[in-house]
Amino acid sequence: MKRQHSVGRGLALLAVLGLGGSLATAPAPAAAEEPRPPQVEWGQCPDDVVAEAAPTELRCATVPVPLDYADPEGEQIGLTVSRLAAADPEKRRGVLMLNPGGPGGSGLALSALLVAQGLPSSVTDRYDLIGMDTRGIGHSSPVSCGFTADSPYYANIPPYAVDDAAVTAQAEIAEQTAEQCASNDRDGRLRHLTTANTARDLDRIRAALGEEKTSYLGYSYGTALGAAYASMFPERADRIVLDSNIGDTHLDRDGLRRYALGMEQTLPDFAKWAARRHDSYGLGRTPGQVRASYFTIAGQLDKAPVAGIDGGVFRLLTFGHLFKQTQYAELAQTWQAMLAGDAAAVRELTADQQESADGALSPADNSLTVFLAVTCNDVEWPEDVDTYRRGVAEDRGRYPLYGAAAANITPCAFWSHAPAEPPVKIDPEGPRNVLLLQNRRDVPTPHRGGELLREKFGDRARLVSVDDSGHGVYVLGKNSCALNTTTRYLVEGEMPEQDTSCPAD
């Protein structure tokens, strides 16, 4: 079982992209007051960031922010930020803050990753790229629930529930997990991890950098954070790009259940790919036959796990590998081995995930802790287990690939504290400065997420829909129409007059 949990933990990190007394009687302010900017002193980045960013060289600094914005003069925490300075100072127009998603993802080396993936020089000439570990993550006052390789909670998506009994069993694990987080939260910091507070942190960082405004590029959950910032601080938000949108300023139960919709819409791309390669992988000569192989494998593993991988982990593994088309070959090999019951081949194919999971327990603990804390603190979740039983039954029918996982119960049902304030409401009043990017087929953020945010922002936003599959559009995807449209906006400020549909390259 330890191996199963370790592999699951490694896959959970792919799916990104976690208490003291309630603040309900003392709500935080809707916006951070303009602070007296601290002096930012740039210096060497932490060794792990240096290694991850190489060969790109970044500079890092620490910015103090209030732990509790209801008590701005109280305890301060340090946020570590990174900078890749604009390559052409004469063309520089400001800062572009970056967020990789999560919540729980480290963003200190994101600028280097984007440069390596082909971020146009017209962007790097004009902006200081500002990465960061947001509050609670990595080098920014990290938090921990104490998760280990043996913990029954090992993924930010609940396990697939094969029946009502599985929902009941998961409810017990979810309650134990919430209690574990509460008991490990000895300094009472978890309750202050919210999207609203992180948006306030962004504005403190902007002020510390001496900028009147900030531009922003956020992926996945980073779209929720960017939408919150653009709504809370419209006068300080410059050019905002939200890529692979979850549909609001927070992840709620409806948003989590949309993961199953994304699975239904994205698996056909893999099925077509595998069907064309039937002679190599033997998964089916038609997309329908490949889809049937998925259910055959899952059913076999539900009854008899192979190499420590059961049906729930198999479904999670498939979900994670649909993030990028470059992972299709590895996924097909894994399906092939599982279909044959070849334990040795399964072990070999999942060895890298096993090693990364075992070698990164502390970051995994931190990432999952922040995911839980932010998700549970942002919005109320149903507390009645029967609500989840009904949801699982409903979604198992309408989304048979993954509905019984995405609708399953989470620790948020048992979280120790109610949200301290309502979730940030999208503000449609303000400048037309929000560019939304969305692939038409994406497992964790299906196209519906972009549509929802477009509806909520109204005329402030334009939606670019891309006929492509995978998670991440700008730079991380390879669609030239989307790349050019976004670069023109960041560089020239040219927003599409209407919503745009980008054909496949």
Protein backbone atom coordinates (compact mmCIF):
# COMPACT_ATOMS: atom_id res chain seq x y z
CA MET A 1 0.00 0.00 0.00
CA LYS A 2 2.86 2.37 0.59
CA ARG A 3 3.83 2.11 -3.06
CA GLN A 4 0.26 2.79 -4.13
CA HIS A 5 0.15 5.93 -2.00
CA SER A 6 3.56 7.07 -3.23
CA VAL A 7 2.63 6.69 -6.88
CA GLY A 8 -0.65 8.42 -6.16
CA ARG A 9 1.18 11.30 -4.49
CA GLY A 10 3.44 11.70 -7.52
CA LEU A 11 0.43 11.80 -9.81
CA ALA A 12 -1.41 14.19 -7.51
CA LEU A 13 1.31 16.76 -8.08
CA LEU A 14 0.57 16.51 -11.79
CA ALA A 15 -3.03 17.44 -11.06
CA VAL A 16 -2.34 20.74 -10.06
CA LEU A 17 -1.97 21.72 -12.37
CA GLY A 18 -3.65 23.15 1.29
CA LEU A 19 -6.48 26.02 12.65
CA GLY A 20 -7.07 28.25 14.87
CA GLY A 21 -10.10 30.41 15.75
CA SER A 22 -12.52 31.62 13.09
CA LEU A 23 -12.29 35.19 11.79
CA ALA A 24 -16.00 35.26 10.97
CA THR A 25 -16.62 37.91 13.61
CA ALA A 26 -13.71 40.06 12.42
CA PRO A 27 -13.73 40.03 8.61
CA ALA A 28 -10.64 41.12 6.73
CA PRO A 29 -10.84 44.32 4.67
CA ALA A 30 -12.05 44.00 1.08
CA ALA A 31 -8.77 45.46 -0.16
CA ALA A 32 -5.35 45.93 1.30
CA GLU A 33 -4.56 49.46 2.34
CA GLU A 34 -1.64 50.98 0.48
CA PRO A 35 1.33 50.02 2.66
CA ARG A 36 4.55 51.89 3.17
CA PRO A 37 6.71 50.08 0.59
CA PRO A 38 9.60 48.16 2.13
CA GLN A 39 13.00 48.24 0.52
CA VAL A 40 13.38 45.22 -1.76
CA GLU A 41 16.90 43.85 -1.61
CA TRP A 42 17.64 41.46 -4.46
CA GLY A 43 20.12 38.70 -3.82
CA GLN A 44 20.91 35.05 -4.43
CA CYS A 45 17.96 32.70 -4.87
CA PRO A 46 17.68 29.50 -2.79
CA ASP A 47 19.80 26.66 -4.12
CA ASP A 48 16.86 24.59 -5.32
CA VAL A 49 15.51 27.54 -7.30
CA VAL A 50 18.94 28.18 -8.83
CA ALA A 51 19.10 24.56 -9.95
CA GLU A 52 15.56 24.53 -11.32
CA ALA A 53 16.02 27.81 -13.22
CA ALA A 54 19.44 27.00 -14.73
CA PRO A 55 20.79 28.19 -17.09
CA THR A 56 18.57 31.25 -16.55
CA GLU A 57 19.84 33.36 -13.65
CA LEU A 58 17.25 34.85 -11.33
CA ARG A 59 17.48 37.20 -8.36
CA CYS A 60 15.35 36.75 -5.26
CA ALA A 61 14.07 38.87 -2.39
CA THR A 62 11.73 38.65 0.59
CA VAL A 63 8.67 40.88 0.97
CA PRO A 64 6.94 41.08 4.38
CA VAL A 65 3.12 40.93 4.45
CA PRO A 66 0.59 40.64 7.28
CA LEU A 67 -0.37 37.13 8.25
CA ASP A 68 -3.84 38.47 9.02
CA TYR A 69 -5.06 41.45 6.96
CA ALA A 70 -7.66 42.15 9.66
CA ASP A 71 -4.65 42.98 11.84
CA PRO A 72 -2.22 44.59 9.35
CA GLU A 73 0.20 45.73 12.05
CA GLY A 74 0.31 42.30 13.66
CA GLU A 75 2.44 39.27 12.81
CA GLN A 76 4.24 39.51 9.49
CA ILE A 77 5.31 36.63 7.24
CA GLY A 78 7.94 36.67 4.53
CA LEU A 79 7.12 35.97 0.87
CA THR A 80 9.99 35.00 -1.41
CA VAL A 81 9.81 36.51 -4.90
CA SER A 82 12.09 36.14 -7.91
CA ARG A 83 12.92 38.51 -10.75
CA LEU A 84 14.11 38.08 -14.28
CA ALA A 85 14.82 41.70 -15.21
CA ALA A 86 13.62 43.10 -18.53
CA ALA A 87 16.27 42.38 -21.14
CA ASP A 88 15.92 45.82 -22.79
CA PRO A 89 15.63 48.58 -20.16
CA GLU A 90 14.73 51.16 -22.82
CA LYS A 91 11.63 49.13 -23.78
CA ARG A 92 10.66 48.19 -20.21
CA ARG A 93 7.01 48.94 -19.39
CA GLY A 94 6.62 47.29 -15.97
CA VAL A 95 6.32 43.99 -14.15
CA LEU A 96 4.53 40.79 -15.13
CA MET A 97 3.64 38.67 -12.11
CA LEU A 98 3.43 34.92 -12.71
CA ASN A 99 1.54 32.08 -11.05
CA PRO A 100 1.72 28.40 -12.06
CA GLY A 101 -1.50 27.22 -10.40
CA GLY A 102 -2.30 24.79 -7.63
CA PRO A 103 -3.11 26.18 -5.15
CA GLY A 104 0.14 24.77 -3.88
CA GLY A 105 2.47 25.23 -6.84
CA SER A 106 5.85 26.93 -6.45
CA GLY A 107 6.37 29.74 -8.95
CA LEU A 108 9.87 31.01 -8.17
CA ALA A 109 11.39 29.39 -11.27
CA LEU A 110 8.36 29.83 -13.55
CA SER A 111 9.94 32.68 -15.51
CA ALA A 112 12.88 30.44 -16.40
CA LEU A 113 10.53 27.62 -17.41
CA LEU A 114 8.58 29.93 -19.72
CA VAL A 115 11.78 31.25 -21.28
CA ALA A 116 12.95 27.68 -21.89
CA GLN A 117 9.58 26.87 -23.48
CA GLY A 118 9.87 29.80 -25.89
CA LEU A 119 8.45 32.93 -24.23
CA PRO A 120 8.94 35.59 -26.94
CA SER A 121 11.79 38.05 -26.45
CA SER A 122 9.35 40.89 -27.14
CA VAL A 123 7.82 40.03 -23.75
CA THR A 124 11.09 39.49 -21.86
CA ASP A 125 12.41 42.78 -23.29
CA ARG A 126 9.49 44.73 -21.82
CA TYR A 127 8.75 43.16 -18.47
CA ASP A 128 10.47 42.21 -15.30
CA LEU A 129 9.12 38.70 -14.82
CA ILE A 130 8.17 38.27 -11.16
CA GLY A 131 7.75 34.74 -9.85
CA MET A 132 6.94 33.84 -6.28
CA ASP A 133 6.08 31.25 -3.73
CA THR A 134 2.70 32.49 -2.51
CA ARG A 135 1.89 32.39 1.20
CA GLY A 136 2.38 28.99 2.79
CA ILE A 137 4.33 27.54 -0.15
CA GLY A 138 7.98 26.54 -0.40
CA HIS A 139 10.16 29.44 0.69
CA SER A 140 7.25 31.65 1.80
CA SER A 141 6.48 30.63 5.39
CA PRO A 142 5.56 27.04 4.45
CA VAL A 143 2.81 25.11 6.19
CA SER A 144 2.35 21.39 6.77
CA CYS A 145 -0.39 18.93 7.67
CA GLY A 146 2.27 16.28 8.24
CA PHE A 147 1.41 14.07 5.27
CA THR A 148 3.75 11.14 4.60
CA ALA A 149 4.02 8.36 2.03
CA ASP A 150 1.80 6.22 4.27
CA SER A 151 -0.94 8.83 4.68
CA PRO A 152 -4.32 7.67 3.36
CA TYR A 153 -4.83 11.17 1.90
CA TYR A 154 -2.43 11.34 -1.01
CA ALA A 155 -4.06 13.28 -3.85
CA ASN A 156 -5.82 16.60 -4.34
CA ILE A 157 -8.59 14.73 -6.19
CA PRO A 158 -10.63 12.21 -4.18
CA PRO A 159 -10.24 8.55 -5.20
CA TYR A 160 -12.78 6.94 -7.52
CA ALA A 161 -15.70 5.54 -5.51
CA VAL A 162 -16.81 2.22 -6.94
CA ASP A 163 -19.93 2.15 -4.71
CA ASP A 164 -21.62 3.82 -1.72
CA ALA A 165 -19.36 1.97 0.69
CA ALA A 166 -16.34 3.59 -0.96
CA VAL A 167 -17.84 7.03 -0.31
CA THR A 168 -18.32 6.13 3.34
CA ALA A 169 -14.75 4.88 3.60
CA GLN A 170 -13.44 8.05 1.97
CA ALA A 171 -15.50 10.17 4.36
CA GLU A 172 -13.64 8.60 7.28
CA ILE A 173 -10.30 9.38 5.62
CA ALA A 174 -11.42 12.92 4.82
CA GLU A 175 -12.45 13.55 8.43
CA GLN A 176 -9.17 12.14 9.76
CA THR A 177 -7.27 14.34 7.31
CA ALA A 178 -9.06 17.51 8.40
CA GLU A 179 -8.35 16.62 12.04
CA GLN A 180 -4.70 15.95 11.23
CA CYS A 181 -4.34 19.35 9.58
CA ALA A 182 -5.96 21.06 12.57
CA SER A 183 -3.68 19.27 15.04
CA ASN A 184 -0.56 20.15 13.02
CA ASP A 185 -1.57 23.81 12.71
CA ARG A 186 0.04 24.77 16.02
CA ASP A 187 0.69 28.39 15.04
CA GLY A 188 -2.79 28.97 13.57
CA ARG A 189 -1.59 29.92 10.10
CA LEU A 190 -3.70 27.63 7.95
CA ARG A 191 -6.86 29.69 8.31
CA HIS A 192 -5.10 32.68 6.70
CA LEU A 193 -4.39 30.85 3.45
CA THR A 194 -7.08 32.15 1.11
CA THR A 195 -7.26 33.43 -2.45
CA ALA A 196 -8.35 36.85 -1.19
CA ASN A 197 -5.35 37.14 1.13
CA THR A 198 -3.01 36.01 -1.64
CA ALA A 199 -4.47 38.68 -3.92
CA ARG A 200 -3.77 41.22 -1.18
CA ASP A 201 -0.23 39.85 -1.05
CA LEU A 202 0.16 40.50 -4.77
CA ASP A 203 -0.72 44.12 -4.18
CA ARG A 204 1.80 44.37 -1.33
CA ILE A 205 4.46 42.96 -3.65
CA ARG A 206 3.48 45.46 -6.36
CA ALA A 207 3.87 48.30 -3.90
CA ALA A 208 7.19 46.95 -2.60
CA LEU A 209 8.50 46.88 -6.17
CA GLY A 210 7.57 50.54 -6.56
CA GLU A 211 5.06 49.91 -9.35
CA GLU A 212 1.77 51.79 -9.75
CA LYS A 213 0.27 48.83 -11.62
CA THR A 214 1.11 45.21 -12.32
CA SER A 215 0.44 42.92 -15.23
CA TYR A 216 -0.28 39.27 -14.52
CA LEU A 217 -0.09 35.84 -16.18
CA GLY A 218 -1.67 32.96 -14.29
CA TYR A 219 -2.32 29.35 -15.21
CA SER A 220 -5.02 26.99 -13.88
CA TYR A 221 -5.76 27.98 -10.24
CA GLY A 222 -3.63 31.03 -11.04
CA THR A 223 -6.64 32.23 -13.05
CA ALA A 224 -8.71 32.32 -9.87
CA LEU A 225 -6.01 34.36 -8.17
CA GLY A 226 -5.72 36.72 -11.14
CA ALA A 227 -9.49 37.12 -11.37
CA ALA A 228 -9.57 37.97 -7.68
CA TYR A 229 -6.81 40.55 -8.07
CA ALA A 230 -8.45 42.17 -11.11
CA SER A 231 -11.72 42.37 -9.13
CA MET A 232 -10.26 43.63 -5.84
CA PHE A 233 -7.77 46.06 -7.36
CA PRO A 234 -9.09 47.04 -10.80
CA GLU A 235 -7.25 50.36 -10.76
CA ARG A 236 -3.90 48.62 -10.16
CA ALA A 237 -4.37 45.74 -12.60
CA ASP A 238 -2.64 46.41 -15.91
CA ARG A 239 -2.69 43.66 -18.55
CA ILE A 240 -4.19 40.45 -17.16
CA VAL A 241 -3.86 37.07 -18.90
CA LEU A 242 -5.75 34.12 -17.38
CA ASP A 243 -4.84 30.79 -18.97
CA SER A 244 -6.86 27.58 -18.44
CA ASN A 245 -9.58 29.00 -16.25
CA ILE A 246 -11.34 27.18 -13.42
CA GLY A 247 -14.37 29.45 -13.78
CA ASP A 248 -14.32 31.68 -10.69
CA THR A 249 -12.08 33.15 -7.99
CA HIS A 250 -12.12 29.88 -6.07
CA LEU A 251 -12.39 26.14 -6.54
CA ASP A 252 -15.70 24.88 -5.19
CA ARG A 253 -17.53 21.56 -5.45
CA ASP A 254 -18.97 22.40 -8.87
CA GLY A 255 -15.51 23.30 -10.12
CA LEU A 256 -14.03 20.05 -8.82
CA ARG A 257 -16.82 18.07 -10.47
CA ARG A 258 -15.96 19.73 -13.80
CA TYR A 259 -12.74 17.70 -13.74
CA ALA A 260 -14.92 14.77 -14.81
CA LEU A 261 -16.35 16.79 -17.70
CA GLY A 262 -12.80 17.61 -18.78
CA MET A 263 -11.89 13.91 -18.71
CA GLU A 264 -14.84 13.05 -20.95
CA GLN A 265 -13.92 15.77 -23.43
CA THR A 266 -10.17 15.04 -23.50
CA LEU A 267 -9.88 11.24 -23.49
CA PRO A 268 -11.20 11.02 -27.08
CA ASP A 269 -8.02 12.74 -28.30
CA PHE A 270 -5.92 10.03 -26.68
CA ALA A 271 -8.31 7.35 -27.93
CA LYS A 272 -7.91 8.56 -31.53
CA TRP A 273 -4.13 8.66 -31.08
CA ALA A 274 -4.00 5.13 -29.64
CA ALA A 275 -6.40 3.68 -32.22
CA ARG A 276 -4.07 4.81 -35.01
CA ARG A 277 -1.32 2.86 -33.23
CA HIS A 278 -3.27 -0.29 -32.43
CA ASP A 279 -0.62 -2.54 -33.95
CA SER A 280 1.89 -1.16 -31.44
CA TYR A 281 -0.20 -0.97 -28.27
CA GLY A 282 -3.21 -3.22 -28.83
CA LEU A 283 -5.67 -0.93 -27.05
CA GLY A 284 -8.30 -0.92 -29.81
CA ARG A 285 -8.66 -0.28 -33.52
CA THR A 286 -11.26 2.46 -33.01
CA PRO A 287 -11.56 5.24 -30.43
CA GLY A 288 -14.59 3.43 -29.01
CA GLN A 289 -12.56 0.29 -28.48
CA VAL A 290 -9.79 2.26 -26.76
CA ARG A 291 -12.38 3.82 -24.44
CA ALA A 292 -13.68 0.31 -23.69
CA SER A 293 -10.12 -0.74 -22.78
CA TYR A 294 -10.11 1.99 -20.12
CA PHE A 295 -13.13 0.45 -18.40
CA THR A 296 -11.72 -3.07 -18.78
CA ILE A 297 -8.44 -2.10 -17.12
CA ALA A 298 -10.15 -0.11 -14.36
CA GLY A 299 -12.48 -3.00 -13.60
CA GLN A 300 -9.63 -5.50 -13.45
CA LEU A 301 -7.64 -3.27 -11.10
CA ASP A 302 -10.67 -2.62 -8.88
CA LYS A 303 -10.73 -6.38 -8.24
CA ALA A 304 -6.98 -7.11 -8.23
CA PRO A 305 -4.34 -4.33 -8.10
CA VAL A 306 -1.18 -4.75 -10.16
CA ALA A 307 2.16 -3.63 -8.69
CA GLY A 308 0.29 -1.77 -5.95
CA ILE A 309 -1.88 0.20 -8.40
CA ASP A 310 -5.63 -0.21 -8.02
CA GLY A 311 -8.44 1.12 -10.17
CA GLY A 312 -8.53 4.47 -8.40
CA VAL A 313 -4.84 5.16 -8.95
CA PHE A 314 -5.14 3.97 -12.56
CA ARG A 315 -7.90 6.49 -13.20
CA LEU A 316 -5.80 9.22 -11.55
CA LEU A 317 -2.79 8.16 -13.60
CA THR A 318 -4.80 8.48 -16.80
CA PHE A 319 -6.17 11.86 -15.73
CA GLY A 320 -2.66 13.19 -15.10
CA HIS A 321 -1.24 11.90 -18.39
CA LEU A 322 -3.93 13.68 -20.40
CA PHE A 323 -2.45 17.05 -19.39
CA LYS A 324 -0.04 16.92 -22.35
CA GLN A 325 -0.09 15.09 -25.67
CA THR A 326 3.63 14.39 -25.22
CA GLN A 327 2.61 11.96 -22.44
CA TYR A 328 0.36 9.84 -24.65
CA ALA A 329 3.02 7.25 -25.54
CA GLU A 330 3.87 6.62 -21.89
CA LEU A 331 0.19 6.35 -21.05
CA ALA A 332 -0.37 3.84 -23.85
CA GLN A 333 2.56 1.74 -22.63
CA THR A 334 1.15 1.76 -19.10
CA TRP A 335 -2.32 0.75 -20.28
CA GLN A 336 -0.76 -2.04 -22.33
CA ALA A 337 1.12 -3.40 -19.32
CA MET A 338 -1.91 -3.16 -17.05
CA LEU A 339 -4.20 -4.80 -19.57
CA ALA A 340 -1.78 -7.71 -19.69
CA GLY A 341 -1.38 -7.79 -15.91
CA ASP A 342 2.40 -7.38 -16.36
CA ALA A 343 3.46 -6.29 -12.87
CA ALA A 344 7.15 -5.99 -13.78
CA ALA A 345 6.39 -3.66 -16.69
CA VAL A 346 4.02 -1.58 -14.57
CA ARG A 347 6.72 -1.17 -11.91
CA GLU A 348 9.23 -0.08 -14.53
CA LEU A 349 6.85 2.38 -16.17
CA THR A 350 5.92 4.01 -12.86
CA ALA A 351 9.44 3.95 -11.40
CA ASP A 352 10.11 7.62 -12.13
CA GLN A 353 6.91 8.64 -10.38
CA GLN A 354 7.78 6.37 -7.47
CA GLU A 355 11.23 7.93 -7.12
CA SER A 356 9.98 11.50 -7.39
CA ALA A 357 7.29 10.80 -4.82
CA ASP A 358 9.62 9.15 -2.32
CA GLY A 359 12.30 11.80 -2.86
CA ALA A 360 9.96 14.76 -2.49
CA LEU A 361 7.76 14.00 0.47
CA SER A 362 8.24 17.38 2.09
CA PRO A 363 7.24 19.40 -1.01
CA ALA A 364 4.35 17.00 -1.59
CA ASP A 365 3.15 17.49 1.99
CA ASN A 366 3.45 21.25 1.59
CA SER A 367 1.67 21.31 -1.77
CA LEU A 368 -1.25 19.18 -0.62
CA THR A 369 -1.55 21.16 2.62
CA VAL A 370 -1.82 24.47 0.77
CA PHE A 371 -4.29 23.01 -1.72
CA LEU A 372 -6.53 21.92 1.13
CA ALA A 373 -6.21 25.09 3.16
CA VAL A 374 -6.98 27.49 0.32
CA THR A 375 -9.74 25.34 -1.16
CA CYS A 376 -11.46 24.74 2.18
CA ASN A 377 -11.02 28.32 3.45
CA ASP A 378 -12.29 30.05 0.30
CA VAL A 379 -15.85 28.73 0.26
CA GLU A 380 -18.30 26.59 2.24
CA TRP A 381 -18.42 22.90 1.25
CA PRO A 382 -21.36 20.56 1.97
CA GLU A 383 -20.94 18.69 5.26
CA ASP A 384 -23.52 15.93 4.73
CA VAL A 385 -21.98 12.68 3.45
CA ASP A 386 -25.24 11.80 1.70
CA THR A 387 -24.79 14.87 -0.51
CA TYR A 388 -21.58 13.35 -1.84
CA ARG A 389 -23.15 9.90 -2.21
CA ARG A 390 -25.84 11.40 -4.43
CA GLY A 391 -23.28 13.38 -6.39
CA VAL A 392 -21.10 10.33 -6.95
CA ALA A 393 -24.06 8.30 -8.17
CA GLU A 394 -25.17 11.09 -10.50
CA ASP A 395 -21.73 11.76 -11.95
CA ARG A 396 -20.87 8.07 -12.29
CA GLY A 397 -23.76 8.00 -14.75
CA ARG A 398 -23.17 11.22 -16.67
CA TYR A 399 -19.35 11.15 -16.53
CA PRO A 400 -18.48 7.45 -16.30
CA LEU A 401 -14.75 7.94 -16.87
CA TYR A 402 -14.06 10.01 -13.74
CA GLY A 403 -17.28 11.34 -12.26
CA ALA A 404 -17.20 9.05 -9.23
CA ALA A 405 -13.81 10.52 -8.31
CA ALA A 406 -14.37 14.23 -8.86
CA ALA A 407 -17.71 14.15 -7.02
CA ASN A 408 -16.35 12.19 -4.05
CA ILE A 409 -16.00 13.69 -0.58
CA THR A 410 -13.00 15.83 0.41
CA PRO A 411 -11.56 16.98 3.76
CA CYS A 412 -13.26 20.34 3.17
CA ALA A 413 -16.49 18.72 4.39
CA PHE A 414 -14.88 18.44 7.85
CA TRP A 415 -12.60 21.49 7.85
CA SER A 416 -12.08 23.07 11.26
CA HIS A 417 -13.03 26.61 10.31
CA ALA A 418 -15.71 28.26 8.25
CA PRO A 419 -14.54 30.81 5.66
CA ALA A 420 -13.62 34.11 7.28
CA GLU A 421 -15.20 36.11 4.46
CA PRO A 422 -17.24 35.41 1.32
CA PRO A 423 -15.30 34.40 -1.78
CA VAL A 424 -14.17 37.29 -3.98
CA LYS A 425 -16.92 38.27 -6.39
CA ILE A 426 -15.95 38.93 -10.00
CA ASP A 427 -16.23 42.66 -10.72
CA PRO A 428 -17.46 43.35 -14.28
CA GLU A 429 -16.91 47.08 -13.75
CA GLY A 430 -13.48 48.28 -14.73
CA PRO A 431 -11.08 48.42 -17.65
CA ARG A 432 -11.32 45.92 -20.49
CA ASN A 433 -8.02 44.29 -19.62
CA VAL A 434 -8.67 40.57 -18.99
CA LEU A 435 -7.64 38.13 -21.73
CA LEU A 436 -8.93 34.58 -21.16
CA LEU A 437 -7.23 31.62 -22.84
CA GLN A 438 -8.83 28.18 -22.97
CA ASN A 439 -8.21 24.94 -24.84
CA ARG A 440 -11.41 23.31 -26.01
CA ARG A 441 -10.27 20.00 -24.43
CA ASP A 442 -8.54 20.13 -21.06
CA VAL A 443 -8.93 17.67 -18.17
CA PRO A 444 -8.80 19.88 -15.03
CA THR A 445 -10.06 23.07 -16.67
CA PRO A 446 -12.56 22.24 -19.43
CA HIS A 447 -13.67 24.95 -21.83
CA ARG A 448 -16.70 25.66 -19.66
CA GLY A 449 -14.40 27.34 -17.12
CA GLY A 450 -13.40 29.98 -19.65
CA GLU A 451 -17.02 30.52 -20.65
CA LEU A 452 -18.05 31.04 -17.03
CA LEU A 453 -15.35 33.61 -16.35
CA ARG A 454 -16.17 35.40 -19.61
CA GLU A 455 -19.80 35.65 -18.53
CA LYS A 456 -18.86 36.99 -15.10
CA PHE A 457 -16.36 39.60 -16.32
CA GLY A 458 -18.67 40.79 -19.07
CA ASP A 459 -17.13 43.40 -21.34
CA ARG A 460 -13.96 43.55 -19.27
CA ALA A 461 -12.79 40.27 -20.84
CA ARG A 462 -12.29 38.55 -24.17
CA LEU A 463 -12.10 34.75 -24.54
CA VAL A 464 -9.64 33.03 -26.87
CA SER A 465 -10.80 29.44 -27.49
CA VAL A 466 -8.19 27.09 -28.93
CA ASP A 467 -8.93 23.93 -30.90
CA ASP A 468 -6.36 21.93 -28.97
CA SER A 469 -6.00 19.41 -26.19
CA GLY A 470 -4.04 19.77 -22.97
CA HIS A 471 -3.53 21.98 -19.96
CA GLY A 472 -1.96 25.37 -20.65
CA VAL A 473 -2.20 27.55 -23.74
CA TYR A 474 0.28 30.44 -23.79
CA VAL A 475 3.83 29.20 -24.40
CA LEU A 476 3.01 25.85 -22.76
CA GLY A 477 0.83 24.98 -25.77
CA LYS A 478 1.97 25.23 -29.35
CA ASN A 479 -0.89 27.07 -31.04
CA SER A 480 0.46 29.97 -33.10
CA CYS A 481 -2.84 31.90 -33.16
CA ALA A 482 -3.10 31.88 -29.35
CA LEU A 483 0.61 32.66 -28.95
CA ASN A 484 0.45 35.65 -31.29
CA THR A 485 -2.83 36.98 -29.87
CA THR A 486 -1.50 36.89 -26.31
CA THR A 487 1.90 38.33 -27.17
CA ARG A 488 0.29 41.24 -29.03
CA TYR A 489 -1.79 41.98 -25.96
CA LEU A 490 1.12 41.85 -23.51
CA VAL A 491 3.45 43.84 -25.76
CA GLU A 492 1.18 46.27 -27.60
CA GLY A 493 -1.94 46.21 -25.44
CA GLU A 494 -4.00 45.03 -28.40
CA MET A 495 -7.07 43.24 -27.02
CA PRO A 496 -9.26 41.31 -29.49
CA GLU A 497 -12.42 43.24 -30.35
CA GLN A 498 -14.46 40.05 -30.00
CA ASP A 499 -14.06 36.59 -28.56
CA THR A 500 -11.67 34.64 -30.77
CA SER A 501 -11.56 31.03 -31.96
CA CYS A 502 -8.09 29.73 -32.83
CA PRO A 503 -8.02 26.74 -35.24
CA ALA A 504 -5.65 23.84 -34.67
CA ASP A 505 -2.19 24.33 -36.17
